[in-house]
């Protein structure tokens, strides 16, 4: 147990320049949540955090990989949340639908996507969160809208940062 705890708490050096990508990811996610909160109010805007996690995918990859992944993950995350909201009032369907989403997103991710990112967790958490929020009137559909908005905004900011030099992250890691 001591070895596991020590390993968990040990700081490991990152690759040179990796902190820049980490900082960029944090700034993009934070700006997305702040903008959504300013535009839609803090209650609904806080839901943007879910879509703002899109910045964690393909960190250190060039523009084309980031665009492709953002489109796939953003659409899947938004669709997964919409599915969860859709079945929220059909209590007998919630668990089977969530199980199907977990299986499909996990199988799909590990078969076809396999990107540098948090894995399929956010994709099936979206359905679970949607099925919870869907029980409270319109808040579930606001969550779907906010997920779509925040994944689009996060994706756009991620791409804008890479436009001047689309291959910069790959060159930095290759040093």
N, C-alpha and C. Protein backbone atom coordinates (compact mmCIF):
# COMPACT_ATOMS: atom_id res chain seq x y z
N UNK A 1 0.83 -1.19 0.00
CA UNK A 1 0.00 0.00 0.00
C UNK A 1 0.87 1.26 0.00
N UNK A 2 1.95 1.24 0.75
CA UNK A 2 2.85 2.40 0.80
C UNK A 2 3.43 2.69 -0.59
N UNK A 3 3.77 1.64 -1.33
CA UNK A 3 4.33 1.82 -2.67
C UNK A 3 3.30 2.44 -3.62
N UNK A 4 2.06 1.99 -3.51
CA UNK A 4 0.99 2.52 -4.35
C UNK A 4 0.76 4.00 -4.03
N UNK A 5 0.70 4.34 -2.76
CA UNK A 5 0.48 5.73 -2.35
C UNK A 5 1.66 6.60 -2.79
N UNK A 6 2.87 6.11 -2.62
CA UNK A 6 4.06 6.86 -3.03
C UNK A 6 4.04 7.07 -4.54
N UNK A 7 3.70 6.04 -5.30
CA UNK A 7 3.64 6.15 -6.75
C UNK A 7 2.57 7.15 -7.18
N UNK A 8 1.45 7.15 -6.49
CA UNK A 8 0.35 8.07 -6.80
C UNK A 8 0.75 9.52 -6.55
N UNK A 9 1.54 9.75 -5.54
CA UNK A 9 1.91 11.11 -5.13
C UNK A 9 3.23 11.60 -5.73
N UNK A 10 3.90 10.79 -6.51
CA UNK A 10 5.18 11.17 -7.09
C UNK A 10 4.97 12.07 -8.30
N UNK A 11 5.65 13.21 -8.30
CA UNK A 11 5.61 14.11 -9.44
C UNK A 11 6.57 13.58 -10.50
N UNK A 12 6.11 13.53 -11.73
CA UNK A 12 6.93 13.04 -12.82
C UNK A 12 7.18 14.18 -13.81
N UNK A 13 8.39 14.29 -14.31
CA UNK A 13 8.66 15.37 -15.27
C UNK A 13 7.88 15.15 -16.56
N UNK A 14 7.38 16.25 -17.11
CA UNK A 14 6.68 16.19 -18.39
C UNK A 14 7.68 16.39 -19.51
N UNK A 15 7.23 16.10 -20.71
CA UNK A 15 8.06 16.36 -21.88
C UNK A 15 8.27 17.87 -21.98
N UNK A 16 9.40 18.30 -22.53
CA UNK A 16 9.63 19.74 -22.66
C UNK A 16 8.50 20.41 -23.45
N UNK A 17 7.99 21.48 -22.92
CA UNK A 17 6.93 22.24 -23.58
C UNK A 17 5.53 21.70 -23.37
N UNK A 18 5.37 20.56 -22.70
CA UNK A 18 4.05 19.97 -22.50
C UNK A 18 3.15 20.86 -21.65
N UNK A 19 3.76 21.66 -20.78
CA UNK A 19 2.97 22.54 -19.91
C UNK A 19 2.19 23.56 -20.73
N UNK A 20 2.70 23.94 -21.91
CA UNK A 20 1.99 24.91 -22.74
C UNK A 20 0.65 24.36 -23.22
N UNK A 21 0.65 23.11 -23.65
CA UNK A 21 -0.60 22.48 -24.09
C UNK A 21 -1.58 22.31 -22.95
N UNK A 22 -1.06 21.96 -21.78
CA UNK A 22 -1.91 21.81 -20.60
C UNK A 22 -2.53 23.15 -20.21
N UNK A 23 -1.72 24.19 -20.24
CA UNK A 23 -2.23 25.53 -19.93
C UNK A 23 -3.27 25.97 -20.94
N UNK A 24 -3.01 25.74 -22.22
CA UNK A 24 -3.97 26.09 -23.27
C UNK A 24 -5.30 25.36 -23.07
N UNK A 25 -5.22 24.07 -22.74
CA UNK A 25 -6.43 23.27 -22.51
C UNK A 25 -7.25 23.87 -21.37
N UNK A 26 -6.59 24.21 -20.27
CA UNK A 26 -7.29 24.80 -19.13
C UNK A 26 -7.90 26.15 -19.45
N UNK A 27 -7.18 26.97 -20.19
CA UNK A 27 -7.70 28.29 -20.56
C UNK A 27 -8.91 28.15 -21.47
N UNK A 28 -8.83 27.28 -22.47
CA UNK A 28 -9.95 27.09 -23.40
C UNK A 28 -11.18 26.59 -22.66
N UNK A 29 -11.03 25.62 -21.79
CA UNK A 29 -12.17 25.11 -21.02
C UNK A 29 -12.76 26.20 -20.12
N UNK A 30 -11.90 26.97 -19.47
CA UNK A 30 -12.37 28.03 -18.56
C UNK A 30 -13.09 29.14 -19.32
N UNK A 31 -12.55 29.55 -20.45
CA UNK A 31 -13.19 30.60 -21.25
C UNK A 31 -14.56 30.13 -21.74
N UNK A 32 -14.68 28.87 -22.11
CA UNK A 32 -15.96 28.34 -22.55
C UNK A 32 -17.00 28.45 -21.44
N UNK A 33 -16.65 28.03 -20.24
CA UNK A 33 -17.59 28.09 -19.11
C UNK A 33 -17.92 29.54 -18.76
N UNK A 34 -16.93 30.40 -18.75
CA UNK A 34 -17.18 31.81 -18.43
C UNK A 34 -18.08 32.47 -19.48
N UNK A 35 -17.82 32.22 -20.75
CA UNK A 35 -18.64 32.79 -21.81
C UNK A 35 -20.07 32.27 -21.74
N UNK A 36 -20.24 30.99 -21.53
CA UNK A 36 -21.58 30.40 -21.43
C UNK A 36 -22.33 30.98 -20.22
N UNK A 37 -21.62 31.15 -19.10
CA UNK A 37 -22.25 31.71 -17.90
C UNK A 37 -22.64 33.17 -18.13
N UNK A 38 -21.80 33.92 -18.83
CA UNK A 38 -22.12 35.32 -19.12
C UNK A 38 -23.30 35.43 -20.09
N UNK A 39 -23.38 34.54 -21.06
CA UNK A 39 -24.45 34.59 -22.06
C UNK A 39 -25.78 34.04 -21.55
N UNK A 40 -25.73 32.95 -20.79
CA UNK A 40 -26.95 32.24 -20.42
C UNK A 40 -27.25 32.23 -18.93
N UNK A 41 -26.41 32.86 -18.14
CA UNK A 41 -26.58 32.87 -16.69
C UNK A 41 -25.79 31.76 -16.04
N UNK A 42 -25.46 31.93 -14.77
CA UNK A 42 -24.57 30.96 -14.11
C UNK A 42 -25.18 29.57 -13.91
N UNK A 43 -26.48 29.49 -13.77
CA UNK A 43 -27.09 28.17 -13.53
C UNK A 43 -26.97 27.29 -14.77
N UNK A 44 -27.39 27.79 -15.90
CA UNK A 44 -27.31 27.01 -17.14
C UNK A 44 -25.88 27.03 -17.68
N UNK A 45 -25.19 28.16 -17.54
CA UNK A 45 -23.82 28.28 -18.04
C UNK A 45 -22.86 27.30 -17.41
N UNK A 46 -23.11 26.95 -16.17
CA UNK A 46 -22.23 25.99 -15.49
C UNK A 46 -22.27 24.63 -16.18
N UNK A 47 -23.36 24.32 -16.86
CA UNK A 47 -23.45 23.05 -17.59
C UNK A 47 -22.47 22.99 -18.75
N UNK A 48 -21.92 24.13 -19.14
CA UNK A 48 -20.96 24.16 -20.24
C UNK A 48 -19.68 23.42 -19.90
N UNK A 49 -19.43 23.19 -18.63
CA UNK A 49 -18.23 22.48 -18.23
C UNK A 49 -18.16 21.11 -18.89
N UNK A 50 -19.31 20.49 -19.05
CA UNK A 50 -19.33 19.17 -19.64
C UNK A 50 -18.79 19.20 -21.08
N UNK A 51 -19.30 20.10 -21.90
CA UNK A 51 -18.81 20.20 -23.28
C UNK A 51 -17.41 20.78 -23.37
N UNK A 52 -17.03 21.59 -22.37
CA UNK A 52 -15.70 22.20 -22.38
C UNK A 52 -14.60 21.15 -22.20
N UNK A 53 -14.98 19.96 -21.76
CA UNK A 53 -14.00 18.88 -21.59
C UNK A 53 -13.46 18.40 -22.93
N UNK A 54 -14.10 18.82 -24.01
CA UNK A 54 -13.65 18.45 -25.35
C UNK A 54 -12.19 18.88 -25.58
N UNK A 55 -11.76 19.92 -24.91
CA UNK A 55 -10.38 20.40 -25.07
C UNK A 55 -9.35 19.37 -24.62
N UNK A 56 -9.77 18.35 -23.89
CA UNK A 56 -8.84 17.33 -23.40
C UNK A 56 -8.50 16.28 -24.45
N UNK A 57 -9.26 16.23 -25.53
CA UNK A 57 -9.01 15.22 -26.55
C UNK A 57 -7.95 15.70 -27.53
N UNK A 58 -7.08 14.80 -27.91
CA UNK A 58 -6.05 15.02 -28.93
C UNK A 58 -5.08 16.14 -28.58
N UNK A 59 -4.86 16.39 -27.30
CA UNK A 59 -3.86 17.39 -26.91
C UNK A 59 -2.52 16.94 -27.45
N UNK A 60 -1.82 17.84 -28.07
CA UNK A 60 -0.52 17.50 -28.64
C UNK A 60 -0.60 17.00 -30.06
N UNK A 61 -1.77 17.07 -30.66
CA UNK A 61 -1.94 16.65 -32.05
C UNK A 61 -2.23 17.86 -32.91
N UNK A 62 -2.05 17.73 -34.19
CA UNK A 62 -2.24 18.81 -35.15
C UNK A 62 -3.71 19.11 -35.42
N UNK A 63 -3.93 20.08 -36.27
CA UNK A 63 -5.26 20.61 -36.55
C UNK A 63 -6.23 19.56 -37.10
N UNK A 64 -5.80 18.78 -38.08
CA UNK A 64 -6.71 17.81 -38.71
C UNK A 64 -7.20 16.78 -37.71
N UNK A 65 -6.31 16.26 -36.89
CA UNK A 65 -6.72 15.27 -35.88
C UNK A 65 -7.67 15.89 -34.87
N UNK A 66 -7.42 17.14 -34.48
CA UNK A 66 -8.29 17.80 -33.50
C UNK A 66 -9.67 18.08 -34.07
N UNK A 67 -9.73 18.51 -35.34
CA UNK A 67 -11.03 18.79 -35.97
C UNK A 67 -11.85 17.51 -36.07
N UNK A 68 -11.23 16.45 -36.57
CA UNK A 68 -11.94 15.18 -36.73
C UNK A 68 -12.48 14.68 -35.39
N UNK A 69 -11.64 14.68 -34.40
CA UNK A 69 -12.04 14.19 -33.09
C UNK A 69 -13.10 15.07 -32.46
N UNK A 70 -12.96 16.39 -32.58
CA UNK A 70 -13.95 17.30 -32.00
C UNK A 70 -15.32 17.08 -32.62
N UNK A 71 -15.36 16.86 -33.90
CA UNK A 71 -16.66 16.63 -34.56
C UNK A 71 -17.29 15.32 -34.08
N UNK A 72 -16.50 14.27 -34.00
CA UNK A 72 -17.01 12.97 -33.56
C UNK A 72 -17.43 13.01 -32.09
N UNK A 73 -16.53 13.47 -31.23
CA UNK A 73 -16.80 13.47 -29.80
C UNK A 73 -17.91 14.47 -29.45
N UNK A 74 -17.88 15.66 -30.04
CA UNK A 74 -18.91 16.66 -29.77
C UNK A 74 -20.30 16.17 -30.15
N UNK A 75 -20.42 15.58 -31.33
CA UNK A 75 -21.72 15.05 -31.77
C UNK A 75 -22.16 13.88 -30.90
N UNK A 76 -21.23 12.99 -30.58
CA UNK A 76 -21.58 11.82 -29.77
C UNK A 76 -21.98 12.23 -28.36
N UNK A 77 -21.25 13.17 -27.77
CA UNK A 77 -21.56 13.61 -26.41
C UNK A 77 -22.93 14.29 -26.36
N UNK A 78 -23.19 15.17 -27.33
CA UNK A 78 -24.48 15.86 -27.37
C UNK A 78 -25.62 14.87 -27.63
N UNK A 79 -25.41 13.95 -28.56
CA UNK A 79 -26.43 12.95 -28.86
C UNK A 79 -26.69 12.01 -27.69
N UNK A 80 -25.63 11.67 -26.99
CA UNK A 80 -25.76 10.80 -25.82
C UNK A 80 -26.58 11.49 -24.73
N UNK A 81 -26.32 12.78 -24.51
CA UNK A 81 -27.09 13.51 -23.51
C UNK A 81 -28.55 13.63 -23.94
N UNK A 82 -28.79 13.89 -25.22
CA UNK A 82 -30.16 13.99 -25.73
C UNK A 82 -30.90 12.66 -25.56
N UNK A 83 -30.23 11.56 -25.79
CA UNK A 83 -30.84 10.25 -25.58
C UNK A 83 -31.21 10.06 -24.11
N UNK A 84 -30.30 10.44 -23.22
CA UNK A 84 -30.59 10.33 -21.79
C UNK A 84 -31.80 11.17 -21.38
N UNK A 85 -31.87 12.40 -21.89
CA UNK A 85 -33.02 13.27 -21.59
C UNK A 85 -34.30 12.65 -22.16
N UNK A 86 -34.21 12.08 -23.34
CA UNK A 86 -35.40 11.50 -24.00
C UNK A 86 -36.02 10.35 -23.22
N UNK A 87 -35.21 9.56 -22.54
CA UNK A 87 -35.74 8.40 -21.83
C UNK A 87 -35.94 8.67 -20.33
N UNK A 88 -35.66 9.87 -19.88
CA UNK A 88 -35.70 10.16 -18.44
C UNK A 88 -37.03 9.86 -17.79
N UNK A 89 -38.12 10.13 -18.49
CA UNK A 89 -39.44 9.91 -17.89
C UNK A 89 -39.95 8.48 -18.09
N UNK A 90 -39.24 7.70 -18.85
CA UNK A 90 -39.59 6.29 -19.03
C UNK A 90 -38.68 5.47 -18.13
N UNK A 91 -38.98 5.43 -16.87
CA UNK A 91 -38.07 4.86 -15.86
C UNK A 91 -37.63 3.43 -16.17
N UNK A 92 -38.48 2.64 -16.79
CA UNK A 92 -38.09 1.27 -17.12
C UNK A 92 -37.03 1.21 -18.22
N UNK A 93 -36.93 2.26 -19.01
CA UNK A 93 -35.98 2.28 -20.11
C UNK A 93 -34.64 2.91 -19.75
N UNK A 94 -34.57 3.65 -18.64
CA UNK A 94 -33.35 4.38 -18.32
C UNK A 94 -32.14 3.45 -18.20
N UNK A 95 -32.25 2.43 -17.38
CA UNK A 95 -31.09 1.54 -17.16
C UNK A 95 -30.71 0.77 -18.43
N UNK A 96 -31.66 0.15 -19.15
CA UNK A 96 -31.25 -0.53 -20.39
C UNK A 96 -30.63 0.42 -21.41
N UNK A 97 -31.16 1.64 -21.52
CA UNK A 97 -30.59 2.59 -22.48
C UNK A 97 -29.18 3.01 -22.03
N UNK A 98 -29.01 3.28 -20.74
CA UNK A 98 -27.68 3.64 -20.25
C UNK A 98 -26.68 2.50 -20.47
N UNK A 99 -27.10 1.28 -20.23
CA UNK A 99 -26.21 0.13 -20.45
C UNK A 99 -25.85 0.02 -21.94
N UNK A 100 -26.81 0.24 -22.81
CA UNK A 100 -26.54 0.19 -24.25
C UNK A 100 -25.58 1.31 -24.66
N UNK A 101 -25.77 2.51 -24.11
CA UNK A 101 -24.89 3.63 -24.42
C UNK A 101 -23.47 3.33 -23.94
N UNK A 102 -23.35 2.80 -22.73
CA UNK A 102 -22.02 2.46 -22.20
C UNK A 102 -21.34 1.45 -23.11
N UNK A 103 -22.06 0.42 -23.49
CA UNK A 103 -21.48 -0.61 -24.34
C UNK A 103 -21.12 -0.04 -25.72
N UNK A 104 -22.05 0.70 -26.34
CA UNK A 104 -21.80 1.21 -27.69
C UNK A 104 -20.68 2.25 -27.73
N UNK A 105 -20.68 3.17 -26.77
CA UNK A 105 -19.63 4.20 -26.80
C UNK A 105 -18.27 3.60 -26.45
N UNK A 106 -18.25 2.65 -25.54
CA UNK A 106 -16.97 2.00 -25.21
C UNK A 106 -16.46 1.18 -26.39
N UNK A 107 -17.34 0.36 -26.95
CA UNK A 107 -16.93 -0.46 -28.09
C UNK A 107 -16.55 0.42 -29.28
N UNK A 108 -17.34 1.44 -29.55
CA UNK A 108 -17.04 2.34 -30.66
C UNK A 108 -15.74 3.10 -30.45
N UNK A 109 -15.54 3.58 -29.24
CA UNK A 109 -14.32 4.34 -28.95
C UNK A 109 -13.08 3.47 -29.13
N UNK A 110 -13.08 2.31 -28.50
CA UNK A 110 -11.90 1.46 -28.56
C UNK A 110 -11.73 0.76 -29.90
N UNK A 111 -12.78 0.73 -30.73
CA UNK A 111 -12.66 0.12 -32.05
C UNK A 111 -12.31 1.12 -33.14
N UNK A 112 -12.86 2.35 -33.04
CA UNK A 112 -12.74 3.28 -34.16
C UNK A 112 -12.03 4.60 -33.83
N UNK A 113 -12.15 5.08 -32.62
CA UNK A 113 -11.63 6.42 -32.32
C UNK A 113 -10.25 6.32 -31.72
N UNK A 114 -10.15 5.76 -30.52
CA UNK A 114 -8.89 5.55 -29.83
C UNK A 114 -7.97 6.77 -29.92
N UNK A 115 -8.47 7.89 -29.45
CA UNK A 115 -7.71 9.12 -29.50
C UNK A 115 -7.01 9.37 -28.18
N UNK A 116 -6.20 10.41 -28.15
CA UNK A 116 -5.57 10.85 -26.92
C UNK A 116 -6.60 11.68 -26.16
N UNK A 117 -7.20 11.11 -25.22
CA UNK A 117 -8.21 11.83 -24.46
C UNK A 117 -8.67 10.98 -23.30
N UNK A 118 -9.70 11.46 -22.65
CA UNK A 118 -10.17 10.77 -21.45
C UNK A 118 -10.88 9.45 -21.71
N UNK A 119 -10.98 9.01 -22.94
CA UNK A 119 -11.69 7.78 -23.22
C UNK A 119 -13.18 8.01 -23.32
N UNK A 120 -13.94 6.93 -23.29
CA UNK A 120 -15.38 7.06 -23.51
C UNK A 120 -16.17 7.53 -22.30
N UNK A 121 -15.51 7.80 -21.18
CA UNK A 121 -16.25 8.18 -19.96
C UNK A 121 -17.22 9.33 -20.18
N UNK A 122 -16.76 10.41 -20.77
CA UNK A 122 -17.63 11.57 -20.96
C UNK A 122 -18.80 11.24 -21.88
N UNK A 123 -18.58 10.33 -22.79
CA UNK A 123 -19.62 9.99 -23.75
C UNK A 123 -20.79 9.28 -23.08
N UNK A 124 -20.50 8.37 -22.14
CA UNK A 124 -21.64 7.73 -21.48
C UNK A 124 -22.07 8.46 -20.23
N UNK A 125 -21.21 9.29 -19.65
CA UNK A 125 -21.67 10.15 -18.56
C UNK A 125 -22.72 11.12 -19.07
N UNK A 126 -22.60 11.53 -20.32
CA UNK A 126 -23.57 12.45 -20.90
C UNK A 126 -24.97 11.85 -20.86
N UNK A 127 -25.10 10.58 -21.19
CA UNK A 127 -26.42 9.94 -21.14
C UNK A 127 -26.93 9.84 -19.72
N UNK A 128 -26.06 9.52 -18.79
CA UNK A 128 -26.46 9.41 -17.39
C UNK A 128 -26.90 10.76 -16.83
N UNK A 129 -26.12 11.80 -17.11
CA UNK A 129 -26.48 13.14 -16.64
C UNK A 129 -27.77 13.60 -17.32
N UNK A 130 -27.90 13.32 -18.60
CA UNK A 130 -29.13 13.67 -19.32
C UNK A 130 -30.35 12.98 -18.74
N UNK A 131 -30.21 11.71 -18.36
CA UNK A 131 -31.36 10.99 -17.79
C UNK A 131 -31.73 11.55 -16.42
N UNK A 132 -30.78 12.12 -15.72
CA UNK A 132 -31.08 12.75 -14.43
C UNK A 132 -31.72 14.11 -14.64
N UNK A 133 -31.07 14.97 -15.43
CA UNK A 133 -31.62 16.31 -15.67
C UNK A 133 -32.95 16.27 -16.40
N UNK A 134 -33.16 15.24 -17.20
CA UNK A 134 -34.40 15.12 -17.96
C UNK A 134 -35.64 14.97 -17.09
N UNK A 135 -35.46 14.62 -15.83
CA UNK A 135 -36.60 14.48 -14.92
C UNK A 135 -37.08 15.81 -14.37
N UNK A 136 -36.36 16.91 -14.65
CA UNK A 136 -36.68 18.20 -14.07
C UNK A 136 -37.08 19.22 -15.13
N UNK A 137 -38.17 18.96 -15.79
CA UNK A 137 -38.68 19.92 -16.77
C UNK A 137 -37.71 20.16 -17.92
N UNK A 138 -37.57 21.43 -18.26
CA UNK A 138 -36.76 21.80 -19.42
C UNK A 138 -35.26 21.79 -19.17
N UNK A 139 -34.84 21.59 -17.94
CA UNK A 139 -33.41 21.68 -17.65
C UNK A 139 -32.61 20.63 -18.42
N UNK A 140 -33.19 19.48 -18.68
CA UNK A 140 -32.49 18.45 -19.45
C UNK A 140 -32.19 18.91 -20.87
N UNK A 141 -33.17 19.53 -21.52
CA UNK A 141 -32.94 20.01 -22.88
C UNK A 141 -32.02 21.21 -22.89
N UNK A 142 -32.03 22.01 -21.82
CA UNK A 142 -31.05 23.09 -21.70
C UNK A 142 -29.64 22.50 -21.59
N UNK A 143 -29.51 21.38 -20.90
CA UNK A 143 -28.23 20.70 -20.81
C UNK A 143 -27.74 20.22 -22.16
N UNK A 144 -28.67 19.70 -22.98
CA UNK A 144 -28.32 19.26 -24.33
C UNK A 144 -27.85 20.46 -25.16
N UNK A 145 -28.62 21.55 -25.08
CA UNK A 145 -28.25 22.76 -25.83
C UNK A 145 -26.89 23.28 -25.36
N UNK A 146 -26.67 23.28 -24.07
CA UNK A 146 -25.42 23.79 -23.53
C UNK A 146 -24.25 22.89 -23.91
N UNK A 147 -24.48 21.58 -23.95
CA UNK A 147 -23.42 20.66 -24.38
C UNK A 147 -23.06 20.91 -25.83
N UNK A 148 -24.08 21.09 -26.68
CA UNK A 148 -23.83 21.40 -28.09
C UNK A 148 -23.08 22.72 -28.23
N UNK A 149 -23.53 23.74 -27.52
CA UNK A 149 -22.89 25.05 -27.58
C UNK A 149 -21.44 24.98 -27.09
N UNK A 150 -21.24 24.34 -25.95
CA UNK A 150 -19.90 24.34 -25.36
C UNK A 150 -18.93 23.46 -26.14
N UNK A 151 -19.39 22.36 -26.73
CA UNK A 151 -18.47 21.56 -27.55
C UNK A 151 -18.10 22.33 -28.81
N UNK A 152 -19.07 23.05 -29.39
CA UNK A 152 -18.78 23.85 -30.58
C UNK A 152 -17.80 24.98 -30.25
N UNK A 153 -18.04 25.67 -29.14
CA UNK A 153 -17.16 26.78 -28.76
C UNK A 153 -15.76 26.28 -28.41
N UNK A 154 -15.69 25.21 -27.65
CA UNK A 154 -14.39 24.64 -27.27
C UNK A 154 -13.63 24.16 -28.50
N UNK A 155 -14.34 23.47 -29.38
CA UNK A 155 -13.70 23.00 -30.61
C UNK A 155 -13.18 24.16 -31.45
N UNK A 156 -13.99 25.21 -31.59
CA UNK A 156 -13.58 26.37 -32.39
C UNK A 156 -12.36 27.05 -31.78
N UNK A 157 -12.35 27.23 -30.46
CA UNK A 157 -11.19 27.86 -29.83
C UNK A 157 -9.93 27.00 -29.97
N UNK A 158 -10.10 25.70 -29.85
CA UNK A 158 -8.97 24.79 -30.00
C UNK A 158 -8.39 24.90 -31.42
N UNK A 159 -9.28 24.97 -32.40
CA UNK A 159 -8.82 25.07 -33.78
C UNK A 159 -8.18 26.42 -34.05
N UNK A 160 -8.76 27.49 -33.51
CA UNK A 160 -8.21 28.83 -33.73
C UNK A 160 -6.77 28.94 -33.22
N UNK A 161 -6.50 28.31 -32.08
CA UNK A 161 -5.15 28.34 -31.52
C UNK A 161 -4.17 27.66 -32.48
N UNK A 162 -4.63 26.66 -33.22
CA UNK A 162 -3.74 25.91 -34.10
C UNK A 162 -3.64 26.47 -35.53
N UNK A 163 -4.55 27.37 -35.91
CA UNK A 163 -4.54 27.86 -37.30
C UNK A 163 -3.21 28.48 -37.75
N UNK A 164 -2.56 29.31 -36.94
CA UNK A 164 -1.30 29.88 -37.41
C UNK A 164 -0.22 28.84 -37.71
N UNK A 165 -0.23 27.74 -37.02
CA UNK A 165 0.79 26.70 -37.20
C UNK A 165 0.15 25.34 -36.89
N UNK A 166 -0.57 24.78 -37.86
CA UNK A 166 -1.37 23.56 -37.60
C UNK A 166 -0.60 22.35 -37.10
N UNK A 167 0.71 22.25 -37.36
CA UNK A 167 1.50 21.08 -36.96
C UNK A 167 2.36 21.34 -35.73
N UNK A 168 2.25 22.53 -35.13
CA UNK A 168 3.09 22.90 -33.98
C UNK A 168 3.07 21.88 -32.86
N UNK A 169 1.91 21.41 -32.41
CA UNK A 169 1.93 20.44 -31.27
C UNK A 169 2.71 19.18 -31.59
N UNK A 170 2.58 18.70 -32.80
CA UNK A 170 3.30 17.47 -33.17
C UNK A 170 4.80 17.70 -33.23
N UNK A 171 5.22 18.87 -33.73
CA UNK A 171 6.65 19.18 -33.78
C UNK A 171 7.22 19.35 -32.38
N UNK A 172 6.44 19.97 -31.49
CA UNK A 172 6.91 20.18 -30.12
C UNK A 172 7.13 18.85 -29.40
N UNK A 173 6.24 17.92 -29.60
CA UNK A 173 6.37 16.61 -28.94
C UNK A 173 7.51 15.82 -29.58
N UNK A 174 7.73 16.00 -30.86
CA UNK A 174 8.76 15.26 -31.56
C UNK A 174 10.19 15.68 -31.23
N UNK A 175 10.35 16.79 -30.51
CA UNK A 175 11.70 17.28 -30.16
C UNK A 175 12.46 16.32 -29.30
